[in-house]
Amino acid sequence: MLLSTTSPSLQGNKYHHKNSRCIRCRSQDFQRIIIKRHITSGSYCPTGFYSIVLRFRNHQVCFTVDIANMYQQITVHPQDRDLQRILWRYSSDEPVQEYNLTTVTYGTSSVPYLATRCLKKIADDNRYQYPRSAHVLSNDFYIDDLLSGTTTIEDAIKVQQEISLLQTAGFTLRKWASNHSTFLDNIPRELQETQ
């Protein structure tokens, strides 16, 4: 999934993290800029975590799943990669090397929003073909974890098959778990949660 980081939700001055790194510039105007202070997090769970959990508890057939390495699957638009430039050297004797990160960076405040926005986009693109699964993608994910369910095992299996459309966007679903073993019979053992 290709994503641009130039959306308005990424601008502002709301975030600071204890692991922020300072960029030291020669110019007086830009001394000691901490990038994370200039990135806002956006709203990454519009329905709220507690709402997801409360809905999850009401289902007869419950299932959970995780998206494997979600952040590493979201590609940053090429024009925005300079915003993720890293200068690196192993020792002070070596020359500085430049790297541009091509995927969203774990630990930055905007990443949960960007990940959730990708799910929302996939749901919107597929809402006519798979309306039930689009609803699940939009409302039952908390970042990369799905907590959902249905009233029957047959419906649960149908939703499971439909949300596997995330594979087409590069998202691998793993660690499937359910309160019904019949539901898990349709899922390869290596993709199931192990105790």
N, C-alpha and C. Protein backbone atom coordinates (compact mmCIF):
# COMPACT_ATOMS: atom_id res chain seq x y z
N MET A 1 0.86 -1.17 0.00
CA MET A 1 0.00 0.00 0.00
C MET A 1 0.90 1.23 0.00
N LEU A 2 0.68 2.14 -0.90
CA LEU A 2 1.48 3.36 -1.01
C LEU A 2 0.72 4.47 -0.31
N LEU A 3 1.41 5.17 0.59
CA LEU A 3 0.76 6.17 1.41
C LEU A 3 1.56 7.45 1.42
N SER A 4 0.89 8.56 1.31
CA SER A 4 1.55 9.85 1.39
C SER A 4 1.45 10.37 2.82
N THR A 5 2.56 10.91 3.33
CA THR A 5 2.55 11.43 4.70
C THR A 5 2.33 12.93 4.74
N THR A 6 1.81 13.51 3.68
CA THR A 6 1.63 14.96 3.66
C THR A 6 0.22 15.37 4.08
N SER A 7 -0.53 14.48 4.70
CA SER A 7 -1.88 14.82 5.12
C SER A 7 -1.85 15.81 6.27
N PRO A 8 -2.90 16.63 6.45
CA PRO A 8 -2.91 17.64 7.49
C PRO A 8 -2.75 17.08 8.89
N SER A 9 -3.10 15.82 9.10
CA SER A 9 -3.02 15.25 10.43
C SER A 9 -1.58 15.05 10.88
N LEU A 10 -0.62 15.21 9.98
CA LEU A 10 0.77 15.03 10.34
C LEU A 10 1.46 16.34 10.69
N GLN A 11 0.72 17.43 10.66
CA GLN A 11 1.33 18.72 10.94
C GLN A 11 0.91 19.20 12.32
N GLY A 12 1.74 19.94 12.96
CA GLY A 12 1.39 20.46 14.26
C GLY A 12 2.56 20.35 15.21
N ASN A 13 2.27 20.57 16.49
CA ASN A 13 3.33 20.56 17.48
C ASN A 13 2.77 19.98 18.78
N LYS A 14 2.44 18.69 18.80
CA LYS A 14 1.80 18.12 19.96
C LYS A 14 2.56 16.97 20.60
N TYR A 15 3.58 16.44 19.97
CA TYR A 15 4.10 15.17 20.43
C TYR A 15 5.56 15.26 20.83
N HIS A 16 5.90 14.63 21.93
CA HIS A 16 7.29 14.48 22.33
C HIS A 16 7.45 13.10 22.93
N HIS A 17 8.51 12.44 22.62
CA HIS A 17 8.77 11.10 23.13
C HIS A 17 10.13 11.10 23.79
N LYS A 18 10.31 10.34 24.87
CA LYS A 18 11.57 10.35 25.60
C LYS A 18 12.76 9.90 24.76
N ASN A 19 12.50 9.16 23.68
CA ASN A 19 13.57 8.68 22.83
C ASN A 19 13.81 9.58 21.62
N SER A 20 13.29 10.80 21.62
CA SER A 20 13.47 11.71 20.48
C SER A 20 14.95 12.02 20.30
N ARG A 21 15.36 12.17 19.07
CA ARG A 21 16.73 12.52 18.75
C ARG A 21 16.76 13.97 18.26
N CYS A 22 17.78 14.67 18.64
CA CYS A 22 17.93 16.07 18.23
C CYS A 22 18.72 16.14 16.92
N ILE A 23 18.31 17.05 16.09
CA ILE A 23 19.05 17.34 14.86
C ILE A 23 19.77 18.65 15.11
N ARG A 24 21.07 18.65 15.01
CA ARG A 24 21.84 19.86 15.27
C ARG A 24 22.22 20.51 13.94
N CYS A 25 21.76 21.72 13.75
CA CYS A 25 22.04 22.46 12.52
C CYS A 25 22.92 23.65 12.85
N ARG A 26 23.62 24.16 11.85
CA ARG A 26 24.47 25.34 12.04
C ARG A 26 23.65 26.62 12.09
N SER A 27 22.54 26.65 11.42
CA SER A 27 21.72 27.84 11.38
C SER A 27 21.11 28.12 12.75
N GLN A 28 21.13 29.40 13.17
CA GLN A 28 20.56 29.76 14.48
C GLN A 28 19.06 29.50 14.54
N ASP A 29 18.37 29.62 13.40
CA ASP A 29 16.92 29.44 13.39
C ASP A 29 16.50 28.00 13.64
N PHE A 30 17.38 27.05 13.37
CA PHE A 30 16.97 25.65 13.42
C PHE A 30 17.77 24.82 14.41
N GLN A 31 18.32 25.41 15.43
CA GLN A 31 19.10 24.63 16.37
C GLN A 31 18.19 23.78 17.26
N ARG A 32 18.61 22.55 17.49
CA ARG A 32 17.95 21.58 18.38
C ARG A 32 16.49 21.33 18.02
N ILE A 33 16.23 21.04 16.76
CA ILE A 33 14.88 20.67 16.32
C ILE A 33 14.65 19.21 16.71
N ILE A 34 13.56 18.93 17.36
CA ILE A 34 13.18 17.56 17.67
C ILE A 34 11.99 17.24 16.78
N ILE A 35 12.21 16.37 15.80
CA ILE A 35 11.21 16.11 14.77
C ILE A 35 9.89 15.62 15.36
N LYS A 36 9.94 14.73 16.34
CA LYS A 36 8.71 14.17 16.88
C LYS A 36 7.81 15.22 17.50
N ARG A 37 8.37 16.36 17.88
CA ARG A 37 7.54 17.44 18.42
C ARG A 37 6.69 18.09 17.34
N HIS A 38 7.05 17.89 16.08
CA HIS A 38 6.36 18.53 14.98
C HIS A 38 5.44 17.59 14.21
N ILE A 39 5.24 16.40 14.74
CA ILE A 39 4.35 15.43 14.11
C ILE A 39 3.22 15.13 15.09
N THR A 40 2.00 15.27 14.64
CA THR A 40 0.88 14.91 15.51
C THR A 40 0.45 13.49 15.20
N SER A 41 -0.24 12.91 16.13
CA SER A 41 -0.56 11.50 15.99
C SER A 41 -1.81 11.23 15.18
N GLY A 42 -2.71 12.17 15.04
CA GLY A 42 -3.96 11.89 14.36
C GLY A 42 -4.84 11.01 15.23
N SER A 43 -6.02 10.74 14.78
CA SER A 43 -6.92 9.86 15.51
C SER A 43 -6.85 8.49 14.88
N TYR A 44 -6.27 7.51 15.58
CA TYR A 44 -6.07 6.22 14.97
C TYR A 44 -7.09 5.19 15.38
N CYS A 45 -7.98 5.52 16.26
CA CYS A 45 -9.04 4.57 16.61
C CYS A 45 -10.32 5.34 16.80
N PRO A 46 -10.99 5.70 15.68
CA PRO A 46 -12.16 6.56 15.78
C PRO A 46 -13.30 5.95 16.60
N THR A 47 -13.42 4.62 16.62
CA THR A 47 -14.51 4.02 17.39
C THR A 47 -14.14 3.82 18.85
N GLY A 48 -12.88 3.85 19.18
CA GLY A 48 -12.44 3.70 20.55
C GLY A 48 -12.20 2.25 20.93
N PHE A 49 -11.14 2.03 21.67
CA PHE A 49 -10.76 0.69 22.07
C PHE A 49 -11.83 0.02 22.93
N TYR A 50 -12.41 0.77 23.87
CA TYR A 50 -13.42 0.17 24.75
C TYR A 50 -14.67 -0.23 23.98
N SER A 51 -15.03 0.54 22.98
CA SER A 51 -16.18 0.18 22.15
C SER A 51 -15.92 -1.13 21.42
N ILE A 52 -14.71 -1.29 20.92
CA ILE A 52 -14.35 -2.53 20.22
C ILE A 52 -14.45 -3.71 21.16
N VAL A 53 -13.91 -3.57 22.36
CA VAL A 53 -13.93 -4.66 23.34
C VAL A 53 -15.36 -4.98 23.77
N LEU A 54 -16.18 -3.96 24.01
CA LEU A 54 -17.56 -4.21 24.42
C LEU A 54 -18.35 -4.93 23.32
N ARG A 55 -18.18 -4.52 22.07
CA ARG A 55 -18.85 -5.21 20.96
C ARG A 55 -18.36 -6.65 20.84
N PHE A 56 -17.06 -6.83 21.01
CA PHE A 56 -16.45 -8.15 20.90
C PHE A 56 -17.07 -9.13 21.91
N ARG A 57 -17.36 -8.66 23.09
CA ARG A 57 -17.91 -9.52 24.14
C ARG A 57 -19.35 -9.95 23.87
N ASN A 58 -20.03 -9.27 22.97
CA ASN A 58 -21.43 -9.59 22.67
C ASN A 58 -21.62 -10.66 21.59
N HIS A 59 -20.56 -11.02 20.90
CA HIS A 59 -20.66 -11.99 19.81
C HIS A 59 -20.75 -13.42 20.34
N GLN A 60 -21.52 -14.25 19.64
CA GLN A 60 -21.59 -15.67 19.97
C GLN A 60 -20.31 -16.39 19.52
N VAL A 61 -19.86 -16.06 18.34
CA VAL A 61 -18.62 -16.62 17.80
C VAL A 61 -17.62 -15.47 17.73
N CYS A 62 -16.58 -15.54 18.55
CA CYS A 62 -15.57 -14.48 18.60
C CYS A 62 -14.30 -14.96 17.91
N PHE A 63 -13.60 -14.02 17.29
CA PHE A 63 -12.29 -14.35 16.72
C PHE A 63 -11.39 -13.12 16.77
N THR A 64 -10.11 -13.41 16.88
CA THR A 64 -9.10 -12.35 16.88
C THR A 64 -8.03 -12.72 15.86
N VAL A 65 -7.36 -11.71 15.37
CA VAL A 65 -6.26 -11.92 14.42
C VAL A 65 -5.34 -10.70 14.46
N ASP A 66 -4.11 -10.93 14.09
CA ASP A 66 -3.09 -9.89 14.08
C ASP A 66 -2.57 -9.74 12.65
N ILE A 67 -2.25 -8.51 12.26
CA ILE A 67 -1.60 -8.28 10.97
C ILE A 67 -0.09 -8.35 11.21
N ALA A 68 0.58 -9.28 10.54
CA ALA A 68 2.02 -9.48 10.72
C ALA A 68 2.81 -8.29 10.20
N ASN A 69 3.69 -7.76 11.04
CA ASN A 69 4.61 -6.69 10.63
C ASN A 69 3.91 -5.58 9.86
N MET A 70 2.80 -5.12 10.38
CA MET A 70 1.96 -4.18 9.64
C MET A 70 2.71 -2.93 9.18
N TYR A 71 3.46 -2.33 10.08
CA TYR A 71 4.12 -1.07 9.72
C TYR A 71 5.13 -1.25 8.60
N GLN A 72 5.76 -2.40 8.53
CA GLN A 72 6.75 -2.64 7.49
C GLN A 72 6.10 -2.88 6.13
N GLN A 73 4.79 -3.04 6.10
CA GLN A 73 4.09 -3.28 4.84
C GLN A 73 3.55 -1.99 4.21
N ILE A 74 3.62 -0.89 4.94
CA ILE A 74 3.07 0.38 4.46
C ILE A 74 4.21 1.21 3.87
N THR A 75 4.16 1.40 2.57
CA THR A 75 5.21 2.12 1.86
C THR A 75 4.91 3.62 1.86
N VAL A 76 5.93 4.40 2.16
CA VAL A 76 5.80 5.85 2.13
C VAL A 76 5.98 6.33 0.69
N HIS A 77 5.16 7.28 0.29
CA HIS A 77 5.24 7.84 -1.06
C HIS A 77 6.67 8.36 -1.31
N PRO A 78 7.23 8.11 -2.49
CA PRO A 78 8.62 8.53 -2.77
C PRO A 78 8.90 10.01 -2.51
N GLN A 79 7.95 10.89 -2.78
CA GLN A 79 8.20 12.32 -2.56
C GLN A 79 8.30 12.66 -1.07
N ASP A 80 7.85 11.77 -0.19
CA ASP A 80 7.90 12.03 1.25
C ASP A 80 9.04 11.31 1.95
N ARG A 81 9.81 10.54 1.24
CA ARG A 81 10.87 9.75 1.88
C ARG A 81 12.01 10.60 2.41
N ASP A 82 12.20 11.78 1.85
CA ASP A 82 13.24 12.66 2.39
C ASP A 82 12.91 13.09 3.83
N LEU A 83 11.66 13.03 4.18
CA LEU A 83 11.27 13.36 5.55
C LEU A 83 11.68 12.26 6.53
N GLN A 84 12.09 11.14 6.01
CA GLN A 84 12.53 10.02 6.83
C GLN A 84 14.00 9.69 6.54
N ARG A 85 14.77 10.72 6.33
CA ARG A 85 16.19 10.53 6.03
C ARG A 85 16.96 10.30 7.34
N ILE A 86 17.87 9.35 7.26
CA ILE A 86 18.72 9.03 8.41
C ILE A 86 20.16 9.22 7.99
N LEU A 87 20.92 9.90 8.83
CA LEU A 87 22.36 10.02 8.63
C LEU A 87 23.02 9.08 9.62
N TRP A 88 23.92 8.23 9.14
CA TRP A 88 24.46 7.19 10.00
C TRP A 88 25.94 6.96 9.72
N ARG A 89 26.65 6.69 10.79
CA ARG A 89 28.02 6.20 10.66
C ARG A 89 28.32 5.34 11.88
N TYR A 90 29.16 4.35 11.68
CA TYR A 90 29.46 3.42 12.76
C TYR A 90 30.49 3.98 13.72
N SER A 91 31.36 4.84 13.24
CA SER A 91 32.35 5.48 14.12
C SER A 91 32.65 6.87 13.57
N SER A 92 33.27 7.69 14.38
CA SER A 92 33.57 9.06 13.96
C SER A 92 34.65 9.11 12.88
N ASP A 93 35.33 8.00 12.64
CA ASP A 93 36.36 7.94 11.60
C ASP A 93 35.76 7.70 10.22
N GLU A 94 34.56 7.23 10.16
CA GLU A 94 33.93 6.88 8.88
C GLU A 94 33.10 8.04 8.35
N PRO A 95 32.90 8.09 7.02
CA PRO A 95 32.04 9.14 6.47
C PRO A 95 30.56 8.87 6.82
N VAL A 96 29.81 9.94 6.83
CA VAL A 96 28.38 9.82 7.11
C VAL A 96 27.68 9.24 5.89
N GLN A 97 26.78 8.27 6.13
CA GLN A 97 26.00 7.67 5.05
C GLN A 97 24.56 8.12 5.19
N GLU A 98 23.89 8.32 4.06
CA GLU A 98 22.48 8.73 4.05
C GLU A 98 21.60 7.54 3.71
N TYR A 99 20.49 7.43 4.45
CA TYR A 99 19.48 6.41 4.17
C TYR A 99 18.12 7.08 4.19
N ASN A 100 17.24 6.68 3.28
CA ASN A 100 15.85 7.12 3.31
C ASN A 100 15.00 5.90 3.61
N LEU A 101 14.23 5.96 4.67
CA LEU A 101 13.34 4.86 5.01
C LEU A 101 12.18 4.84 4.02
N THR A 102 11.82 3.66 3.57
CA THR A 102 10.78 3.54 2.55
C THR A 102 9.44 3.11 3.13
N THR A 103 9.42 2.66 4.38
CA THR A 103 8.16 2.28 5.03
C THR A 103 7.96 3.18 6.24
N VAL A 104 6.73 3.19 6.77
CA VAL A 104 6.48 4.02 7.95
C VAL A 104 7.35 3.52 9.09
N THR A 105 7.75 4.42 9.94
CA THR A 105 8.73 4.13 10.97
C THR A 105 8.06 3.85 12.30
N TYR A 106 8.27 2.65 12.82
CA TYR A 106 7.73 2.26 14.12
C TYR A 106 8.25 3.23 15.18
N GLY A 107 7.36 3.66 16.04
CA GLY A 107 7.75 4.54 17.13
C GLY A 107 7.42 6.00 16.89
N THR A 108 7.15 6.39 15.65
CA THR A 108 6.75 7.77 15.42
C THR A 108 5.27 7.91 15.74
N SER A 109 4.88 9.07 16.17
CA SER A 109 3.52 9.27 16.68
C SER A 109 2.43 9.10 15.63
N SER A 110 2.77 9.30 14.37
CA SER A 110 1.74 9.23 13.32
C SER A 110 1.49 7.81 12.81
N VAL A 111 2.32 6.85 13.15
CA VAL A 111 2.22 5.51 12.58
C VAL A 111 0.90 4.81 12.89
N PRO A 112 0.38 4.83 14.12
CA PRO A 112 -0.91 4.18 14.34
C PRO A 112 -2.02 4.77 13.46
N TYR A 113 -2.01 6.08 13.29
CA TYR A 113 -3.00 6.70 12.42
C TYR A 113 -2.82 6.22 10.97
N LEU A 114 -1.59 6.22 10.48
CA LEU A 114 -1.34 5.82 9.10
C LEU A 114 -1.75 4.37 8.87
N ALA A 115 -1.46 3.50 9.83
CA ALA A 115 -1.84 2.09 9.70
C ALA A 115 -3.35 1.94 9.66
N THR A 116 -4.04 2.61 10.57
CA THR A 116 -5.49 2.54 10.61
C THR A 116 -6.10 3.17 9.37
N ARG A 117 -5.49 4.21 8.87
CA ARG A 117 -5.98 4.87 7.65
C ARG A 117 -5.88 3.93 6.45
N CYS A 118 -4.84 3.12 6.40
CA CYS A 118 -4.72 2.13 5.32
C CYS A 118 -5.87 1.13 5.38
N LEU A 119 -6.19 0.65 6.58
CA LEU A 119 -7.31 -0.29 6.72
C LEU A 119 -8.62 0.36 6.28
N LYS A 120 -8.80 1.61 6.67
CA LYS A 120 -10.02 2.34 6.29
C LYS A 120 -10.11 2.48 4.77
N LYS A 121 -9.00 2.75 4.13
CA LYS A 121 -8.97 2.88 2.66
C LYS A 121 -9.33 1.56 2.00
N ILE A 122 -8.79 0.46 2.49
CA ILE A 122 -9.12 -0.86 1.94
C ILE A 122 -10.60 -1.15 2.13
N ALA A 123 -11.13 -0.80 3.30
CA ALA A 123 -12.56 -1.01 3.57
C ALA A 123 -13.41 -0.18 2.62
N ASP A 124 -13.05 1.09 2.43
CA ASP A 124 -13.81 1.96 1.54
C ASP A 124 -13.78 1.46 0.09
N ASP A 125 -12.62 0.98 -0.33
CA ASP A 125 -12.48 0.48 -1.71
C ASP A 125 -13.29 -0.79 -1.95
N ASN A 126 -13.60 -1.53 -0.89
CA ASN A 126 -14.28 -2.82 -1.04
C ASN A 126 -15.67 -2.85 -0.39
N ARG A 127 -16.20 -1.70 -0.05
CA ARG A 127 -17.47 -1.67 0.70
C ARG A 127 -18.67 -2.16 -0.10
N TYR A 128 -18.63 -2.09 -1.42
CA TYR A 128 -19.76 -2.57 -2.21
C TYR A 128 -19.66 -4.07 -2.47
N GLN A 129 -18.45 -4.54 -2.68
CA GLN A 129 -18.27 -5.96 -2.95
C GLN A 129 -18.35 -6.80 -1.67
N TYR A 130 -17.81 -6.28 -0.55
CA TYR A 130 -17.80 -7.01 0.72
C TYR A 130 -18.27 -6.07 1.84
N PRO A 131 -19.55 -5.74 1.89
CA PRO A 131 -20.01 -4.75 2.88
C PRO A 131 -19.79 -5.16 4.34
N ARG A 132 -20.00 -6.43 4.65
CA ARG A 132 -19.82 -6.86 6.04
C ARG A 132 -18.35 -6.78 6.45
N SER A 133 -17.47 -7.23 5.58
CA SER A 133 -16.04 -7.19 5.88
C SER A 133 -15.52 -5.76 5.91
N ALA A 134 -16.05 -4.91 5.07
CA ALA A 134 -15.66 -3.49 5.10
C ALA A 134 -16.02 -2.89 6.45
N HIS A 135 -17.18 -3.26 6.97
CA HIS A 135 -17.60 -2.78 8.30
C HIS A 135 -16.64 -3.29 9.37
N VAL A 136 -16.25 -4.56 9.29
CA VAL A 136 -15.30 -5.13 10.25
C VAL A 136 -13.96 -4.40 10.17
N LEU A 137 -13.45 -4.18 8.96
CA LEU A 137 -12.17 -3.48 8.80
C LEU A 137 -12.23 -2.07 9.37
N SER A 138 -13.35 -1.40 9.21
CA SER A 138 -13.48 -0.01 9.67
C SER A 138 -13.71 0.11 11.16
N ASN A 139 -14.34 -0.89 11.77
CA ASN A 139 -14.80 -0.71 13.16
C ASN A 139 -14.24 -1.67 14.19
N ASP A 140 -13.65 -2.79 13.77
CA ASP A 140 -13.23 -3.79 14.75
C ASP A 140 -11.73 -3.96 14.88
N PHE A 141 -10.95 -3.15 14.18
CA PHE A 141 -9.49 -3.20 14.32
C PHE A 141 -9.04 -2.15 15.31
N TYR A 142 -8.12 -2.53 16.17
CA TYR A 142 -7.38 -1.57 16.99
C TYR A 142 -5.94 -1.65 16.49
N ILE A 143 -5.58 -0.73 15.66
CA ILE A 143 -4.30 -0.66 14.94
C ILE A 143 -4.12 -1.94 14.13
N ASP A 144 -3.34 -2.93 14.62
CA ASP A 144 -3.13 -4.14 13.81
C ASP A 144 -3.80 -5.38 14.39
N ASP A 145 -4.64 -5.21 15.40
CA ASP A 145 -5.34 -6.33 16.03
C ASP A 145 -6.84 -6.25 15.79
N LEU A 146 -7.39 -7.35 15.32
CA LEU A 146 -8.83 -7.44 15.09
C LEU A 146 -9.48 -8.18 16.24
N LEU A 147 -10.55 -7.60 16.76
CA LEU A 147 -11.41 -8.26 17.75
C LEU A 147 -12.82 -8.18 17.19
N SER A 148 -13.33 -9.31 16.71
CA SER A 148 -14.62 -9.28 16.05
C SER A 148 -15.34 -10.59 16.27
N GLY A 149 -16.48 -10.71 15.61
CA GLY A 149 -17.24 -11.94 15.71
C GLY A 149 -18.58 -11.82 15.03
N THR A 150 -19.34 -12.91 15.10
CA THR A 150 -20.65 -12.98 14.47
C THR A 150 -21.57 -13.81 15.35
N THR A 151 -22.79 -14.04 14.87
CA THR A 151 -23.73 -14.85 15.64
C THR A 151 -23.62 -16.34 15.31
N THR A 152 -23.10 -16.68 14.12
CA THR A 152 -22.98 -18.09 13.74
C THR A 152 -21.57 -18.39 13.24
N ILE A 153 -21.20 -19.65 13.29
CA ILE A 153 -19.89 -20.07 12.79
C ILE A 153 -19.81 -19.86 11.29
N GLU A 154 -20.90 -20.12 10.58
CA GLU A 154 -20.91 -19.93 9.12
C GLU A 154 -20.62 -18.48 8.74
N ASP A 155 -21.25 -17.56 9.46
CA ASP A 155 -21.00 -16.13 9.20
C ASP A 155 -19.55 -15.77 9.53
N ALA A 156 -19.05 -16.32 10.61
CA ALA A 156 -17.67 -16.04 11.01
C ALA A 156 -16.68 -16.52 9.95
N ILE A 157 -16.93 -17.70 9.41
CA ILE A 157 -16.06 -18.24 8.35
C ILE A 157 -16.12 -17.36 7.11
N LYS A 158 -17.32 -16.89 6.78
CA LYS A 158 -17.47 -16.01 5.61
C LYS A 158 -16.70 -14.70 5.81
N VAL A 159 -16.82 -14.10 7.00
CA VAL A 159 -16.08 -12.86 7.29
C VAL A 159 -14.57 -13.12 7.24
N GLN A 160 -14.14 -14.24 7.80
CA GLN A 160 -12.72 -14.59 7.80
C GLN A 160 -12.19 -14.68 6.36
N GLN A 161 -12.96 -15.31 5.50
CA GLN A 161 -12.53 -15.44 4.10
C GLN A 161 -12.51 -14.09 3.40
N GLU A 162 -13.50 -13.26 3.70
CA GLU A 162 -13.57 -11.95 3.05
C GLU A 162 -12.46 -11.01 3.53
N ILE A 163 -12.17 -10.99 4.83
CA ILE A 163 -11.14 -10.05 5.29
C ILE A 163 -9.74 -10.51 4.91
N SER A 164 -9.66 -11.71 4.39
CA SER A 164 -8.37 -12.14 3.87
C SER A 164 -7.99 -11.34 2.62
N LEU A 165 -8.90 -10.49 2.13
CA LEU A 165 -8.57 -9.58 1.04
C LEU A 165 -7.45 -8.64 1.43
N LEU A 166 -7.15 -8.55 2.72
CA LEU A 166 -6.01 -7.75 3.16
C LEU A 166 -4.71 -8.27 2.56
N GLN A 167 -4.68 -9.56 2.22
CA GLN A 167 -3.50 -10.14 1.58
C GLN A 167 -3.17 -9.40 0.28
N THR A 168 -4.21 -8.97 -0.44
CA THR A 168 -3.97 -8.28 -1.71
C THR A 168 -3.29 -6.93 -1.50
N ALA A 169 -3.39 -6.38 -0.29
CA ALA A 169 -2.73 -5.12 0.02
C ALA A 169 -1.38 -5.35 0.72
N GLY A 170 -0.98 -6.63 0.83
CA GLY A 170 0.31 -6.94 1.44
C GLY A 170 0.25 -7.21 2.92
N PHE A 171 -0.94 -7.26 3.50
CA PHE A 171 -1.08 -7.52 4.93
C PHE A 171 -1.37 -9.00 5.17
N THR A 172 -0.49 -9.68 5.89
CA THR A 172 -0.67 -11.09 6.20
C THR A 172 -1.36 -11.22 7.56
N LEU A 173 -2.46 -11.96 7.59
CA LEU A 173 -3.18 -12.18 8.83
C LEU A 173 -2.64 -13.44 9.49
N ARG A 174 -2.32 -13.32 10.78
CA ARG A 174 -1.76 -14.45 11.53
C ARG A 174 -2.27 -14.42 12.96
N LYS A 175 -1.96 -15.45 13.70
CA LYS A 175 -2.37 -15.59 15.10
C LYS A 175 -3.88 -15.58 15.26
N TRP A 176 -4.57 -16.31 14.37
CA TRP A 176 -6.02 -16.43 14.49
C TRP A 176 -6.35 -17.18 15.77
N ALA A 177 -7.36 -16.70 16.49
CA ALA A 177 -7.86 -17.38 17.68
C ALA A 177 -9.38 -17.22 17.71
N SER A 178 -10.06 -18.18 18.32
CA SER A 178 -11.51 -18.12 18.39
C SER A 178 -12.00 -18.94 19.58
N ASN A 179 -13.21 -18.65 20.00
CA ASN A 179 -13.83 -19.43 21.07
C ASN A 179 -14.50 -20.70 20.50
N HIS A 180 -14.45 -20.89 19.18
CA HIS A 180 -15.01 -22.09 18.54
C HIS A 180 -13.93 -22.76 17.69
N SER A 181 -13.62 -24.00 18.00
CA SER A 181 -12.59 -24.72 17.25
C SER A 181 -13.02 -24.99 15.81
N THR A 182 -14.32 -25.09 15.56
CA THR A 182 -14.81 -25.30 14.19
C THR A 182 -14.39 -24.16 13.28
N PHE A 183 -14.41 -22.96 13.80
CA PHE A 183 -13.98 -21.78 13.03
C PHE A 183 -12.51 -21.93 12.63
N LEU A 184 -11.69 -22.40 13.56
CA LEU A 184 -10.25 -22.52 13.30
C LEU A 184 -9.91 -23.66 12.35
N ASP A 185 -10.82 -24.59 12.13
CA ASP A 185 -10.56 -25.72 11.24
C ASP A 185 -10.28 -25.26 9.81
N ASN A 186 -10.77 -24.09 9.42
CA ASN A 186 -10.59 -23.56 8.06
C ASN A 186 -9.30 -22.76 7.90
N ILE A 187 -8.55 -22.62 8.97
CA ILE A 187 -7.35 -21.77 8.95
C ILE A 187 -6.12 -22.66 9.12
N PRO A 188 -5.10 -22.52 8.27
CA PRO A 188 -3.90 -23.33 8.42
C PRO A 188 -3.30 -23.20 9.82
N ARG A 189 -2.80 -24.30 10.34
CA ARG A 189 -2.27 -24.35 11.70
C ARG A 189 -1.19 -23.30 11.95
N GLU A 190 -0.34 -23.05 10.93
CA GLU A 190 0.77 -22.09 11.11
C GLU A 190 0.28 -20.65 11.23
N LEU A 191 -0.97 -20.37 10.85
CA LEU A 191 -1.53 -19.02 10.99
C LEU A 191 -2.38 -18.87 12.24
N GLN A 192 -2.49 -19.94 13.04
CA GLN A 192 -3.28 -19.89 14.26
C GLN A 192 -2.40 -19.49 15.45
N GLU A 193 -3.03 -18.88 16.43
CA GLU A 193 -2.35 -18.52 17.68
C GLU A 193 -1.93 -19.78 18.40
N THR A 194 -0.71 -19.76 18.92
CA THR A 194 -0.26 -20.91 19.72
C THR A 194 -0.20 -20.47 21.17
N GLN A 195 -0.56 -21.36 22.03
CA GLN A 195 -0.60 -21.04 23.47
C GLN A 195 0.76 -21.04 24.09
